[in-house]
Amino acid sequence: DARYPSSVRVRDLHLIEQTLQRLQPPTWPENVLGSVDKPLAAKGRTLFTENCASCHVPRVKTINGRDVQQLHLLPVAAIGTDPTAADNIADHRFDLSALQWDPAELAQLDVQLHPKPSEPLDLSKLSVAKGLAYVTAFVENRAYRDAGVTAAERPELDGFGLPIGVQELRAYKARPLAGVWATAPFLHNGSVPSLYQLLSPQDERASSFYKGTFEYDPKHLGYRTQAFSDGFLFDTRITGNHNSGHEFRAGKRGNGVIGRLLQPEERWALLEYLKVLGGPLEAQLPETVAIQKD
């Protein structure tokens, strides 16, 4: 009973989560960053459907009476981005035997392992994901008990009434792209400074660039990367920082190549569309016009 106390006020946390559900993607500020070329954005909409939607538009599944967006998990071997973060979660093991967890008690926690293990858990070498899931469940139970959360309240506070799920995959989630223009730098490790470079082959991306400025580059959709006082030089040659993968270029699909080479004019069209995706300006786009390819 002395373990797993939390200072989190769970009902206030739930209120924050409910409030965040009403948060909308940022709207491209035309009066600050320039007007959207709507005919070009319409061409980009077609290119988005052809090249991006299959990964970045979530599946929607009804669970417990509510629609839940399920993001696509992309294997590292296919997406080709730096595998370090995924490998750390998949490979690191910790000796938790000192905690003296009872396997029968673990089985009663609201944790689901995918796939379900056929052998008892070895607490002397438990994975990061499993260990974190069980610690979270213990902390959650203690916090709910201390806050007097009833059994009737709990499913809503749990979030869609879902358990803590563990999928130990060498994969990354493809997030929805509404408002993505405002979230540079890109990839899970922040190794690509702009959306234009993300749509380009790796050999056209900067191998190093400066981070830390809030001066926006409205042409390439990222923050400016030139050297500045007290800036941080990000080096993509360091393990964990690689800017590989997520490439649109000629060649066989897989091992980082996710689509055909996009011509520069196609990249500009996609950028124009990503400025308005999910926002009020998207409804103002004209009917799609075919884009010319060389």
Protein backbone atom coordinates (compact mmCIF):
# COMPACT_ATOMS: atom_id res chain seq x y z
CA ASP A 1 0.00 0.00 0.00
CA ALA A 2 2.98 2.31 0.44
CA ARG A 3 3.88 1.99 -3.22
CA TYR A 4 2.80 3.92 -6.32
CA PRO A 5 1.41 7.14 -4.79
CA SER A 6 0.73 9.92 -7.29
CA SER A 7 0.19 13.64 -6.86
CA VAL A 8 -1.96 13.76 -10.02
CA ARG A 9 -5.52 14.98 -9.42
CA VAL A 10 -7.22 12.45 -11.68
CA ARG A 11 -10.53 14.29 -12.10
CA ASP A 12 -8.69 17.48 -13.05
CA LEU A 13 -6.57 15.45 -15.47
CA HIS A 14 -9.77 14.09 -17.01
CA LEU A 15 -11.09 17.65 -17.38
CA ILE A 16 -7.88 18.64 -19.19
CA GLU A 17 -8.25 15.64 -21.52
CA GLN A 18 -11.88 16.52 -22.28
CA THR A 19 -10.84 20.09 -23.02
CA LEU A 20 -8.05 18.97 -25.34
CA GLN A 21 -10.52 16.89 -27.33
CA ARG A 22 -12.03 20.18 -28.51
CA LEU A 23 -8.65 21.51 -29.67
CA GLN A 24 -8.55 22.12 -33.42
CA PRO A 25 -5.49 22.19 -35.71
CA PRO A 26 -3.94 25.64 -36.14
CA THR A 27 -5.20 27.65 -39.10
CA TRP A 28 -2.59 28.87 -41.57
CA PRO A 29 -2.29 32.62 -40.77
CA GLU A 30 -2.44 34.17 -44.23
CA ASN A 31 -2.03 37.69 -42.83
CA VAL A 32 1.32 36.68 -41.28
CA LEU A 33 2.80 33.89 -43.43
CA GLY A 34 1.27 34.70 -46.81
CA SER A 35 -1.80 33.75 -48.82
CA VAL A 36 -2.49 30.17 -49.82
CA ASP A 37 -2.33 29.40 -53.55
CA LYS A 38 -5.69 27.63 -53.62
CA PRO A 39 -5.50 26.20 -57.18
CA LEU A 40 -2.06 24.76 -56.36
CA ALA A 41 -3.40 23.43 -53.04
CA ALA A 42 -6.20 21.69 -54.96
CA LYS A 43 -3.56 19.87 -57.01
CA GLY A 44 -1.82 18.98 -53.78
CA ARG A 45 -5.04 17.48 -52.45
CA THR A 46 -5.00 14.93 -55.29
CA LEU A 47 -1.33 14.16 -54.65
CA PHE A 48 -2.06 13.71 -50.94
CA THR A 49 -4.77 11.17 -51.71
CA GLU A 50 -2.42 9.29 -54.02
CA ASN A 51 0.75 9.36 -51.91
CA CYS A 52 0.00 10.10 -48.25
CA ALA A 53 -3.54 9.16 -47.21
CA SER A 54 -3.00 5.39 -47.00
CA CYS A 55 -0.64 5.87 -44.04
CA HIS A 56 -1.65 9.18 -42.49
CA VAL A 57 -5.45 8.98 -42.52
CA PRO A 58 -6.38 6.89 -39.45
CA ARG A 59 -8.83 4.04 -39.48
CA VAL A 60 -11.96 4.77 -37.44
CA LYS A 61 -13.37 1.99 -35.28
CA THR A 62 -16.39 2.16 -32.99
CA ILE A 63 -15.47 0.99 -29.47
CA ASN A 64 -17.90 1.12 -26.55
CA GLY A 65 -20.20 3.36 -28.58
CA ARG A 66 -17.56 5.93 -29.53
CA ASP A 67 -15.53 6.39 -32.68
CA VAL A 68 -11.82 5.81 -32.03
CA GLN A 69 -9.10 6.79 -34.49
CA GLN A 70 -6.52 4.02 -34.88
CA LEU A 71 -3.19 5.18 -36.27
CA HIS A 72 -1.30 3.03 -38.74
CA LEU A 73 1.82 1.33 -37.38
CA LEU A 74 4.62 1.29 -39.94
CA PRO A 75 7.41 -1.29 -39.49
CA VAL A 76 10.88 0.24 -39.26
CA ALA A 77 12.03 -2.13 -42.01
CA ALA A 78 9.52 -0.53 -44.36
CA ILE A 79 9.59 3.13 -43.32
CA GLY A 80 13.39 3.11 -43.01
CA THR A 81 13.65 5.87 -40.41
CA ASP A 82 16.24 5.76 -37.61
CA PRO A 83 15.43 2.56 -35.68
CA THR A 84 17.08 3.52 -32.37
CA ALA A 85 13.93 4.54 -30.47
CA ALA A 86 12.02 1.43 -31.59
CA ASP A 87 15.00 -0.84 -30.90
CA ASN A 88 15.42 0.59 -27.38
CA ILE A 89 11.84 -0.28 -26.50
CA ALA A 90 12.03 -3.69 -28.13
CA ASP A 91 15.43 -4.77 -26.79
CA HIS A 92 16.06 -3.23 -23.35
CA ARG A 93 15.37 -5.51 -20.40
CA PHE A 94 15.30 -4.74 -16.68
CA ASP A 95 15.47 -6.87 -13.54
CA LEU A 96 12.29 -6.09 -11.61
CA SER A 97 12.44 -9.14 -9.35
CA ALA A 98 13.15 -6.90 -6.34
CA LEU A 99 9.62 -5.52 -6.65
CA GLN A 100 8.32 -9.01 -5.78
CA TRP A 101 5.36 -8.71 -8.10
CA ASP A 102 2.88 -11.57 -7.85
CA PRO A 103 2.07 -12.94 -11.34
CA ALA A 104 -1.48 -13.61 -10.21
CA GLU A 105 -1.83 -9.95 -9.20
CA LEU A 106 -0.41 -8.81 -12.52
CA ALA A 107 -3.01 -10.89 -14.31
CA GLN A 108 -5.76 -8.93 -12.53
CA LEU A 109 -4.46 -5.55 -13.71
CA ASP A 110 -6.07 -3.74 -16.62
CA VAL A 111 -3.17 -4.56 -18.96
CA GLN A 112 -3.40 -6.47 -22.25
CA LEU A 113 -0.27 -7.82 -23.90
CA HIS A 114 -0.36 -8.30 -27.67
CA PRO A 115 0.28 -11.07 -28.49
CA LYS A 116 -0.70 -12.77 -25.27
CA PRO A 117 2.42 -14.55 -23.88
CA SER A 118 2.34 -18.32 -23.71
CA GLU A 119 4.91 -18.48 -20.89
CA PRO A 120 4.92 -16.81 -17.45
CA LEU A 121 6.60 -13.40 -17.35
CA ASP A 122 10.26 -13.45 -16.35
CA LEU A 123 10.55 -10.51 -13.95
CA SER A 124 14.36 -10.75 -14.02
CA LYS A 125 14.39 -9.51 -17.61
CA LEU A 126 11.19 -7.62 -18.28
CA SER A 127 10.91 -5.36 -21.31
CA VAL A 128 10.54 -1.59 -21.12
CA ALA A 129 7.01 -1.68 -22.52
CA LYS A 130 5.70 -4.40 -20.18
CA GLY A 131 7.36 -2.88 -17.12
CA LEU A 132 5.98 0.57 -17.88
CA ALA A 133 2.49 -0.81 -18.50
CA TYR A 134 2.35 -2.63 -15.16
CA VAL A 135 3.81 0.29 -13.19
CA THR A 136 1.25 2.57 -14.85
CA ALA A 137 -1.58 0.22 -13.89
CA PHE A 138 -0.44 0.11 -10.25
CA VAL A 139 -0.14 3.93 -10.13
CA GLU A 140 -3.54 4.29 -11.77
CA ASN A 141 -5.25 1.96 -9.32
CA ARG A 142 -3.70 3.77 -6.36
CA ALA A 143 -4.64 7.21 -7.73
CA TYR A 144 -8.23 6.16 -8.40
CA ARG A 145 -8.52 4.67 -4.92
CA ASP A 146 -7.09 7.78 -3.24
CA ALA A 147 -9.44 10.02 -5.28
CA GLY A 148 -12.49 7.93 -4.48
CA VAL A 149 -13.18 7.15 -8.14
CA THR A 150 -16.11 4.75 -8.35
CA ALA A 151 -16.37 1.70 -10.58
CA ALA A 152 -19.05 3.53 -12.59
CA GLU A 153 -16.75 6.53 -13.18
CA ARG A 154 -13.66 4.58 -14.09
CA PRO A 155 -14.41 3.56 -17.73
CA GLU A 156 -14.76 7.21 -18.77
CA LEU A 157 -11.58 8.24 -16.95
CA ASP A 158 -9.73 5.29 -18.54
CA GLY A 159 -10.38 6.74 -21.98
CA PHE A 160 -12.91 4.88 -24.15
CA GLY A 161 -12.99 2.16 -21.48
CA LEU A 162 -9.86 0.63 -23.01
CA PRO A 163 -7.16 -1.31 -21.13
CA ILE A 164 -3.47 -0.42 -21.16
CA GLY A 165 -2.37 -2.17 -24.35
CA VAL A 166 1.18 -3.28 -25.07
CA GLN A 167 2.37 -3.96 -28.62
CA GLU A 168 6.11 -4.54 -28.75
CA LEU A 169 6.72 -3.82 -32.40
CA ARG A 170 9.68 -2.28 -34.19
CA ALA A 171 7.40 0.27 -35.73
CA TYR A 172 6.39 3.92 -35.63
CA LYS A 173 2.91 5.44 -35.76
CA ALA A 174 1.92 7.57 -38.74
CA ARG A 175 0.18 10.57 -37.24
CA PRO A 176 -2.66 12.57 -38.83
CA LEU A 177 -1.34 15.57 -40.75
CA ALA A 178 -3.87 18.31 -40.00
CA GLY A 179 -1.79 21.29 -38.86
CA VAL A 180 1.47 19.44 -39.54
CA TRP A 181 2.98 22.63 -41.03
CA ALA A 182 3.29 23.96 -37.46
CA THR A 183 5.15 20.96 -36.01
CA ALA A 184 8.68 21.12 -37.47
CA PRO A 185 11.20 19.50 -37.34
CA PHE A 186 9.97 16.18 -38.71
CA LEU A 187 10.23 12.40 -38.29
CA HIS A 188 10.07 10.93 -34.80
CA ASN A 189 13.59 12.17 -33.99
CA GLY A 190 13.26 15.66 -35.47
CA SER A 191 15.96 14.96 -38.05
CA VAL A 192 14.34 16.68 -41.06
CA PRO A 193 13.93 20.45 -40.76
CA SER A 194 11.12 21.12 -43.23
CA LEU A 195 8.22 19.46 -44.99
CA TYR A 196 9.84 20.18 -48.35
CA GLN A 197 12.89 18.13 -47.35
CA LEU A 198 10.64 15.39 -45.95
CA LEU A 199 9.07 15.00 -49.40
CA SER A 200 12.54 14.85 -50.97
CA PRO A 201 15.06 11.99 -51.28
CA GLN A 202 17.51 11.66 -48.40
CA ASP A 203 20.45 12.92 -50.46
CA GLU A 204 18.61 16.26 -50.82
CA ARG A 205 18.14 16.68 -47.06
CA ALA A 206 20.45 18.70 -44.81
CA SER A 207 22.94 16.49 -42.96
CA SER A 208 23.18 19.09 -40.19
CA PHE A 209 21.18 22.18 -39.28
CA TYR A 210 20.55 24.54 -36.39
CA LYS A 211 17.63 24.14 -34.02
CA GLY A 212 16.17 26.47 -31.45
CA THR A 213 14.84 29.42 -33.41
CA PHE A 214 11.16 30.28 -33.71
CA GLU A 215 11.65 32.15 -36.97
CA TYR A 216 9.40 30.32 -39.41
CA ASP A 217 10.18 29.53 -43.05
CA PRO A 218 6.78 29.80 -44.79
CA LYS A 219 8.15 28.58 -48.12
CA HIS A 220 9.58 25.20 -47.06
CA LEU A 221 7.32 24.80 -43.98
CA GLY A 222 9.79 24.53 -41.16
CA TYR A 223 11.90 26.72 -38.90
CA ARG A 224 14.90 28.50 -40.33
CA THR A 225 18.06 26.44 -40.02
CA GLN A 226 20.91 28.95 -40.41
CA ALA A 227 23.44 29.39 -37.59
CA PHE A 228 22.42 31.84 -34.85
CA SER A 229 23.60 32.77 -31.37
CA ASP A 230 23.07 29.93 -28.85
CA GLY A 231 21.61 27.67 -31.55
CA PHE A 232 21.98 23.88 -31.32
CA LEU A 233 23.69 22.14 -34.24
CA PHE A 234 21.79 18.92 -34.99
CA ASP A 235 23.99 16.30 -36.68
CA THR A 236 22.08 13.57 -38.53
CA ARG A 237 25.18 11.35 -38.74
CA ILE A 238 24.88 10.46 -35.04
CA THR A 239 23.08 7.22 -34.16
CA GLY A 240 19.54 8.11 -33.16
CA ASN A 241 19.64 11.27 -35.29
CA HIS A 242 19.65 9.69 -38.76
CA ASN A 243 17.44 11.40 -41.35
CA SER A 244 16.99 8.27 -43.45
CA GLY A 245 13.70 6.77 -44.64
CA HIS A 246 10.29 8.17 -45.54
CA GLU A 247 11.70 8.74 -49.04
CA PHE A 248 9.86 9.56 -52.19
CA ARG A 249 12.32 8.56 -54.90
CA ALA A 250 12.82 6.22 -57.80
CA GLY A 251 13.52 2.64 -56.86
CA LYS A 252 11.99 -0.45 -55.33
CA ARG A 253 9.54 0.16 -52.51
CA GLY A 254 10.64 -0.80 -49.02
CA ASN A 255 13.73 -0.19 -46.89
CA GLY A 256 12.81 3.46 -46.60
CA VAL A 257 11.37 4.10 -50.06
CA ILE A 258 7.66 4.74 -49.51
CA GLY A 259 6.68 6.28 -52.84
CA ARG A 260 7.71 7.41 -56.28
CA LEU A 261 9.93 10.42 -56.86
CA LEU A 262 7.93 13.61 -56.48
CA GLN A 263 8.89 16.33 -58.91
CA PRO A 264 9.61 19.75 -57.32
CA GLU A 265 6.32 21.18 -58.58
CA GLU A 266 4.48 18.26 -56.96
CA ARG A 267 6.24 18.89 -53.66
CA TRP A 268 5.23 22.56 -53.76
CA ALA A 269 1.64 21.55 -54.45
CA LEU A 270 1.62 19.14 -51.51
CA LEU A 271 3.05 21.81 -49.23
CA GLU A 272 0.33 24.21 -50.29
CA TYR A 273 -2.33 21.63 -49.45
CA LEU A 274 -0.74 20.77 -46.09
CA LYS A 275 -1.16 24.41 -45.12
CA VAL A 276 -4.95 24.02 -45.21
CA LEU A 277 -5.52 20.32 -44.44
CA GLY A 278 -8.08 19.94 -41.65
CA GLY A 279 -8.70 23.67 -41.40
CA PRO A 280 -11.37 26.12 -42.61
CA LEU A 281 -9.36 27.09 -45.69
CA GLU A 282 -9.61 23.53 -47.06
CA ALA A 283 -13.29 24.05 -47.85
CA GLN A 284 -12.35 27.02 -50.04
CA LEU A 285 -10.27 24.99 -52.48
CA PRO A 286 -11.52 24.75 -56.07
CA GLU A 287 -12.28 21.48 -57.77
CA THR A 288 -9.16 19.40 -58.31
CA VAL A 289 -7.14 20.16 -61.42
CA ALA A 290 -4.82 17.51 -62.89
CA ILE A 291 -1.14 18.24 -62.28
CA GLN A 292 1.24 17.97 -65.17
CA LYS A 293 4.13 15.51 -64.81
CA ASP A 294 7.33 15.38 -66.83
